Protein backbone atom coordinates (compact mmCIF):
# COMPACT_ATOMS: atom_id res chain seq x y z
CA MET A 1 111.65 111.89 119.99
CA ILE A 2 113.99 115.12 119.80
CA ILE A 3 113.67 117.85 117.58
CA GLU A 4 116.16 119.98 116.68
CA ARG A 5 115.32 123.30 115.07
CA THR A 6 117.50 126.16 114.49
CA GLN A 7 116.75 129.67 112.89
CA TYR A 8 118.56 132.11 110.43
CA TYR A 9 118.28 135.80 110.44
CA ALA A 10 119.34 137.26 107.56
CA LYS A 11 121.86 140.38 107.14
CA PRO A 12 120.01 143.11 105.08
CA GLY A 13 119.47 141.87 101.44
CA LEU A 14 121.14 138.65 102.53
CA ARG A 15 118.35 136.23 102.66
CA PRO A 16 118.77 134.56 99.56
CA GLN A 17 122.33 133.51 100.30
CA VAL A 18 121.38 132.69 103.68
CA LEU A 19 118.91 130.15 102.23
CA GLU A 20 121.80 128.86 99.81
CA ILE A 21 123.92 128.48 102.47
CA ARG A 22 121.66 126.19 104.32
CA ARG A 23 121.18 124.11 101.58
CA GLU A 24 124.63 123.82 101.21
CA ALA A 25 125.24 122.40 104.64
CA CYS A 26 122.27 119.94 104.02
CA ARG A 27 124.28 118.75 101.12
CA VAL A 28 127.25 118.20 103.38
CA ARG A 29 125.04 116.65 105.84
CA VAL A 30 124.07 113.97 103.20
CA ALA A 31 127.93 113.85 102.37
CA MET A 32 129.04 112.97 105.76
CA GLY A 33 126.30 109.88 106.09
CA LEU A 34 123.45 112.21 108.07
CA ALA A 35 119.85 112.75 107.02
CA ALA A 36 119.41 116.11 105.41
CA GLY A 37 116.80 117.25 107.05
CA SER A 38 113.72 120.20 106.06
CA ILE A 39 114.38 123.97 105.23
CA THR A 40 111.83 126.78 105.32
CA THR A 41 111.82 130.18 104.47
CA LYS A 42 109.34 132.81 104.90
CA GLN A 43 107.43 133.88 101.99
CA ASP A 44 108.23 137.74 101.98
CA ASP A 45 110.43 139.89 103.61
CA THR A 46 107.50 141.84 105.54
CA SER A 47 106.73 138.63 107.80
CA ALA A 48 107.95 138.04 111.04
CA GLY A 49 110.27 135.21 112.19
CA PRO A 50 113.40 133.85 111.12
CA ASP A 51 114.29 134.40 107.19
CA VAL A 52 115.19 130.69 106.93
CA ALA A 53 114.73 127.86 109.35
CA TRP A 54 116.08 124.04 109.29
CA SER A 55 114.61 120.98 111.37
CA LEU A 56 115.48 117.44 111.67
CA ALA A 57 113.69 114.51 114.15
CA PHE A 58 115.99 111.99 116.13
CA THR A 59 114.81 109.14 117.80
CA SER A 60 116.75 109.71 120.67
CA SER A 61 119.12 112.15 122.68
CA ALA A 62 122.12 109.61 121.68
CA THR A 63 120.99 110.03 118.12
CA HIS A 64 121.20 113.68 118.16
CA GLU A 65 124.07 113.82 120.21
CA ARG A 66 126.32 111.66 117.67
CA ASP A 67 124.83 114.19 114.97
CA LEU A 68 126.35 117.35 116.82
CA ALA A 69 129.65 115.43 117.45
CA MET A 70 129.95 114.68 113.58
CA ARG A 71 129.16 118.19 112.70
CA ALA A 72 131.50 119.22 114.75
CA ALA A 73 134.20 117.02 113.56
CA SER A 74 133.79 118.18 109.96
CA PRO A 75 135.93 120.52 108.32
CA GLU A 76 133.33 121.33 105.50
CA PHE A 77 130.53 121.76 108.07
CA ALA A 78 132.67 123.99 109.94
CA SER A 79 133.46 125.99 106.50
CA VAL A 80 129.75 126.12 105.79
CA ARG A 81 129.17 127.45 109.23
CA ALA A 82 131.67 130.16 109.15
CA ARG A 83 130.09 131.63 106.11
CA MET A 84 126.57 131.32 107.84
CA THR A 85 127.63 133.39 110.23
CA ALA A 86 129.24 136.36 108.39
CA ALA A 87 125.95 136.53 106.81
CA ILE A 88 123.61 136.60 109.37
CA GLU A 89 122.41 138.97 112.46
CA ARG A 90 120.98 136.16 114.66
CA PHE A 91 120.82 132.49 114.98
CA ASP A 92 118.88 130.51 117.44
CA ARG A 93 118.78 126.90 118.23
CA PHE A 94 115.68 125.25 119.89
CA ILE A 95 116.20 121.29 121.27
CA GLU A 96 112.46 119.72 121.69
CA THR A 97 111.09 116.64 123.01
CA THR A 98 107.84 114.90 121.89
CA VAL A 99 105.38 114.36 124.85
CA GLY A 100 102.70 112.14 123.31
CA PRO A 101 102.01 110.44 120.34
CA ALA A 102 101.01 112.13 117.18
CA GLY A 103 100.41 109.36 114.82
CA PHE A 104 103.93 107.91 115.36
CA ALA A 105 103.69 106.94 118.94
CA GLY A 106 107.31 104.81 119.27
CA ASP A 107 108.57 102.78 122.03
CA LEU A 108 105.51 101.02 122.94
CA SER A 109 105.61 98.31 125.47
CA LEU A 110 104.51 94.76 123.94
CA GLU A 111 104.26 92.46 127.22
CA GLY A 112 101.23 90.68 127.27
CA VAL A 113 100.15 91.75 123.80
CA ALA A 114 99.38 88.22 121.34
CA LEU A 115 101.28 88.61 118.20
CA VAL A 116 98.16 87.48 116.18
CA PRO A 117 96.90 89.49 113.39
CA ARG A 118 93.45 89.72 112.02
CA GLU A 119 92.46 88.31 108.52
CA GLU A 120 91.43 91.06 106.26
CA THR A 121 89.69 90.23 102.59
CA PHE A 122 90.12 92.56 99.88
CA TRP A 123 89.72 92.83 96.12
CA SER A 124 92.63 93.24 93.47
CA ALA A 125 91.00 92.47 89.97
CA ASP A 126 88.97 89.35 90.31
CA HIS A 127 90.61 88.05 93.32
CA ALA A 128 89.31 88.03 96.46
CA LEU A 129 92.62 88.07 98.72
CA LYS A 130 93.53 87.54 102.33
CA GLY A 131 95.47 89.89 104.37
CA TYR A 132 96.62 90.33 107.88
CA LEU A 133 96.53 92.99 110.09
CA TYR A 134 98.62 93.59 113.12
CA LEU A 135 97.56 97.27 115.08
CA PRO A 136 99.61 98.37 117.97
CA PRO A 137 98.61 98.58 121.75
CA GLY A 138 96.27 101.79 122.06
CA PRO A 139 93.33 103.28 120.74
CA GLY A 140 94.75 104.39 117.07
CA PRO A 141 94.06 105.08 114.66
CA TRP A 142 97.76 104.69 113.35
CA PRO A 143 100.23 105.01 110.41
CA ALA A 144 101.14 101.85 108.65
CA VAL A 145 103.49 99.88 106.70
CA ILE A 146 102.39 97.04 104.45
CA TYR A 147 104.92 94.58 104.30
CA ASN A 148 105.39 92.28 101.18
CA HIS A 149 106.59 88.25 101.67
CA GLY A 150 108.95 86.49 99.36
CA SER A 151 108.16 83.59 97.25
CA GLY A 152 108.39 81.24 100.15
CA VAL A 153 104.75 81.84 101.17
CA ASP A 154 102.89 79.10 99.33
CA GLN A 155 99.46 78.08 99.50
CA GLY A 156 98.81 76.40 102.28
CA SER A 157 102.18 77.41 103.88
CA THR A 158 102.37 77.32 107.79
CA ASP A 159 104.69 80.19 108.05
CA SER A 160 102.70 82.87 106.35
CA VAL A 161 102.30 85.98 109.06
CA GLN A 162 106.05 87.34 109.73
CA PRO A 163 105.37 88.27 113.35
CA ALA A 164 108.90 89.12 114.12
CA ILE A 165 108.59 91.84 111.41
CA ALA A 166 105.08 92.99 112.65
CA ALA A 167 106.14 92.99 116.41
CA ARG A 168 109.26 95.31 115.65
CA LEU A 169 106.61 97.72 113.78
CA MET A 170 104.19 97.92 116.56
CA SER A 171 106.79 98.57 119.10
CA TRP A 172 107.29 101.99 117.04
CA GLY A 173 103.45 102.46 117.18
CA ILE A 174 103.22 101.59 113.71
CA ALA A 175 100.43 98.93 112.42
CA CYS A 176 101.67 96.12 109.82
CA PHE A 177 99.51 94.76 107.08
CA MET A 178 100.66 91.54 104.90
CA PRO A 179 98.90 91.30 101.94
CA HIS A 180 99.07 87.51 100.51
CA ARG A 181 99.53 88.29 97.11
CA ARG A 182 97.87 86.07 94.33
CA GLY A 183 98.71 82.57 94.38
CA TYR A 184 100.28 82.49 97.72
CA GLY A 185 99.25 81.42 101.58
CA ASN A 186 95.46 81.70 101.79
CA SER A 187 94.97 83.47 98.51
CA PRO A 188 93.46 82.22 95.45
CA GLY A 189 94.85 82.36 92.27
CA PRO A 190 97.75 80.71 89.87
CA THR A 191 100.80 80.33 91.76
CA TRP A 192 103.98 82.37 90.20
CA ARG A 193 105.61 78.72 89.42
CA ALA A 194 102.17 78.00 87.06
CA GLU A 195 102.83 81.07 85.62
CA CYS A 196 106.67 80.93 84.73
CA PRO A 197 106.59 77.72 83.46
CA ASP A 198 109.77 77.82 81.05
CA GLU A 199 113.46 76.94 81.99
CA PRO A 200 114.53 79.38 84.40
CA PHE A 201 116.24 82.37 82.89
CA THR A 202 115.64 81.62 79.56
CA ASP A 203 114.24 84.82 77.31
CA THR A 204 110.77 83.46 78.18
CA TYR A 205 110.85 82.92 81.71
CA ASN A 206 112.67 86.02 82.11
CA THR A 207 109.41 88.05 80.42
CA GLN A 208 107.14 85.55 82.36
CA LEU A 209 108.62 86.39 85.67
CA LEU A 210 108.46 90.08 85.40
CA ALA A 211 104.79 89.92 83.90
CA ARG A 212 104.01 88.02 86.80
CA LEU A 213 105.47 90.10 89.60
CA ASP A 214 104.05 93.36 87.80
CA ARG A 215 100.81 91.76 88.22
CA GLU A 216 101.56 90.61 92.13
CA SER A 217 102.25 94.73 92.57
CA ASP A 218 98.32 95.35 91.63
CA ASP A 219 98.07 93.57 94.61
CA VAL A 220 99.94 95.49 96.68
CA CYS A 221 98.37 98.87 95.40
CA ALA A 222 95.00 97.32 96.13
CA ALA A 223 95.95 96.34 99.79
CA ARG A 224 97.15 99.58 100.08
CA GLN A 225 93.68 100.82 99.29
CA HIS A 226 92.19 98.43 101.38
CA LEU A 227 93.98 99.41 104.21
CA SER A 228 93.28 103.25 104.15
CA SER A 229 89.61 102.41 104.21
CA LEU A 230 89.83 101.16 107.91
CA PRO A 231 89.01 103.22 110.65
CA GLU A 232 92.11 102.17 112.59
CA ILE A 233 94.74 103.26 110.14
CA ILE A 234 95.46 106.91 109.32
CA ALA A 235 95.25 106.51 105.28
CA GLY A 236 97.81 109.08 104.44
CA ARG A 237 100.26 107.66 106.04
CA ILE A 238 100.86 104.18 104.48
CA ALA A 239 104.26 103.01 103.90
CA VAL A 240 105.42 99.96 101.33
CA MET A 241 107.96 97.19 102.51
CA GLY A 242 109.25 94.04 101.41
CA SER A 243 112.18 91.32 100.95
CA SER A 244 113.15 89.40 97.81
CA PHE A 245 109.89 88.87 95.36
CA GLY A 246 107.99 90.97 97.95
CA GLY A 247 111.03 93.86 97.77
CA VAL A 248 110.76 93.83 93.68
CA ASN A 249 106.84 94.53 94.38
CA THR A 250 107.47 96.85 96.80
CA LEU A 251 109.57 98.81 94.19
CA PHE A 252 106.63 98.35 91.20
CA ALA A 253 103.79 99.49 93.61
CA ALA A 254 105.75 102.65 95.05
CA ALA A 255 106.26 103.28 91.56
CA LYS A 256 102.75 102.96 90.60
CA ASP A 257 101.17 104.34 93.59
CA THR A 258 101.55 107.84 94.85
CA GLY A 259 99.50 107.01 98.14
CA PHE A 260 102.61 105.27 99.57
CA ARG A 261 104.58 108.00 101.98
CA CYS A 262 107.89 106.26 101.46
CA ALA A 263 109.40 102.83 100.62
CA VAL A 264 111.58 100.07 102.44
CA GLU A 265 113.30 97.31 100.37
CA PHE A 266 115.29 94.37 101.04
CA ALA A 267 116.75 92.39 98.64
CA GLY A 268 114.67 92.61 95.79
CA ALA A 269 116.05 90.35 93.06
CA ALA A 270 118.87 89.12 94.45
CA MET A 271 118.54 85.82 93.25
CA ASN A 272 117.57 86.96 89.76
CA TRP A 273 119.42 90.01 88.77
CA ASP A 274 122.52 88.77 87.11
CA ARG A 275 120.58 86.40 85.03
CA ASN A 276 117.16 88.33 84.40
CA PRO A 277 118.39 91.40 82.58
CA VAL A 278 114.46 92.09 81.88
CA LEU A 279 113.51 92.07 85.37
CA ALA A 280 116.81 94.32 86.12
CA GLN A 281 115.98 96.91 83.15
CA ALA A 282 111.93 97.35 84.74
CA MET A 283 113.19 97.83 88.45
CA VAL A 284 115.62 100.33 87.13
CA ALA A 285 113.01 102.07 85.37
CA ALA A 286 110.71 101.84 87.82
CA ALA A 287 113.05 103.41 90.25
CA GLU A 288 113.86 106.34 87.97
CA ARG A 289 109.73 107.29 88.32
CA LEU A 290 109.88 107.08 91.95
CA THR A 291 108.28 110.24 93.70
CA MET A 292 109.05 109.13 97.34
CA PRO A 293 111.92 108.51 99.37
CA ILE A 294 112.99 104.86 99.26
CA PHE A 295 115.65 102.73 101.29
CA PHE A 296 117.29 99.65 99.31
CA ILE A 297 119.01 97.35 102.08
CA GLN A 298 120.86 94.19 101.55
CA ALA A 299 123.35 91.95 103.61
CA ALA A 300 126.60 91.64 102.32
CA ASN A 301 126.62 87.96 101.95
CA ASP A 302 123.06 88.38 99.84
CA PHE A 303 122.86 85.75 96.53
CA SER A 304 124.02 89.23 94.59
CA ILE A 305 124.07 92.86 96.02
CA ARG A 306 124.02 94.16 92.57
CA PRO A 307 120.23 95.78 92.80
CA THR A 308 121.11 98.03 95.91
CA GLN A 309 124.61 99.08 94.11
CA ALA A 310 122.60 99.62 90.89
CA LEU A 311 119.44 101.07 91.99
CA ALA A 312 121.36 103.45 94.63
CA GLY A 313 121.87 106.14 91.89
CA THR A 314 118.42 105.89 90.40
CA SER A 315 116.64 108.93 92.39
CA GLU A 316 117.83 111.67 94.49
CA GLN A 317 115.41 110.07 97.16
CA ALA A 318 117.09 106.74 97.82
CA VAL A 319 119.00 105.84 100.56
CA THR A 320 121.19 102.66 100.75
CA LYS A 321 122.60 100.43 103.19
CA ILE A 322 124.61 97.11 102.76
CA TYR A 323 125.29 95.32 106.04
CA PRO A 324 127.75 93.19 106.96
CA ALA A 325 127.10 89.22 106.31
CA PHE A 326 124.58 87.80 108.06
CA GLY A 327 125.00 84.05 108.92
CA LEU A 328 127.15 81.50 107.10
CA THR A 329 125.36 81.24 103.59
CA ASN A 330 123.82 83.10 100.81
CA TRP A 331 120.30 82.40 101.71
CA GLU A 332 120.57 83.46 105.48
CA GLY A 333 122.21 86.67 103.91
CA HIS A 334 118.88 86.59 101.80
CA LEU A 335 116.61 85.81 104.73
CA PHE A 336 117.94 89.27 106.78
CA ALA A 337 114.59 91.29 106.16
CA GLY A 338 112.71 88.61 108.39
CA ARG A 339 115.32 87.16 110.53
CA GLY A 340 117.31 90.66 111.56
CA PRO A 341 115.10 93.36 112.78
CA GLN A 342 117.56 93.77 115.89
CA ILE A 343 120.23 94.74 113.11
CA TRP A 344 118.04 96.80 110.62
CA GLY A 345 115.63 98.16 113.16
CA PRO A 346 117.34 101.20 114.05
CA ASP A 347 118.19 102.46 110.85
CA VAL A 348 114.64 101.78 109.46
CA ARG A 349 113.62 103.25 112.11
CA ASP A 350 114.82 106.60 111.49
CA PHE A 351 113.52 106.66 108.25
CA LEU A 352 110.00 105.80 109.01
CA GLU A 353 109.93 108.57 111.50
CA ARG A 354 111.41 111.34 108.85
CA TYR A 355 109.13 110.12 106.05
CA LEU A 356 106.13 108.10 107.44
């Protein structure tokens, strides 16, 4: 990982202006599609060190070089830089490289590693649910992502633990926990269809589905509590991620549980948004309550990209990306999370390295 740090020493009396110029530089970065980075300032004028500092971590030298090139080519950034030059007496830039794992190892080889998870049992309400834990090679402890499956993991399904997604996370030094929510896979409880028996997309059905998904998100919060109790996991560094119904649950759980550091939401309600206004309104309300960064992701040929478009502006910490079409059909586009880690991986890795 490459870390860039810049330090600014203000001319006498200009520390507030230097701080505001640095904030403006971050706003310009965001408008350019770059990460804002982090700003710090010293507490009082008597302490040593720079008046204002900025830093950002990059996954590779190439990523950092692209960032530098975009700054150099931007007239807006050049204008902010000129204002900063006029307001400071001294400027320092440091480029650093991490030399060992500090909870987010990254670039781990999975050669010879069996992608077979460990089964865990955890409780949500009166349900003893099953979850599947993948650990990266090495001693740990590790940060972790809870990955929420979609509606297709039926009870008794033989396609139930998403090893491709787990492998991508493990290679970054992140554990992956896939809970089977109530009524799915190997977990007991009524299925979602049993609890939503009315004609699809009638008013009654729409209300039933919202209530069911809200209960499922309680299972996701219970999974985080269980995961945080395990010695292999860094309890304060758990993210939540999921697709389709699992995307809805990711959003709902993130809005309920501030124990999550960040969230990655794929294709939540893509098959329901245009026909279930009750669910859509609840998702907007949940996004507005978020206190953590969230990344909304869809492929352009998903059933509907309106969820990502609508949720993009609900939170100042929301990041969104619509990727080019994935496959020939809407269904293939909808399955982008599970089948396209090699496409979305670099962006999700950047997001997790920044916020997890």
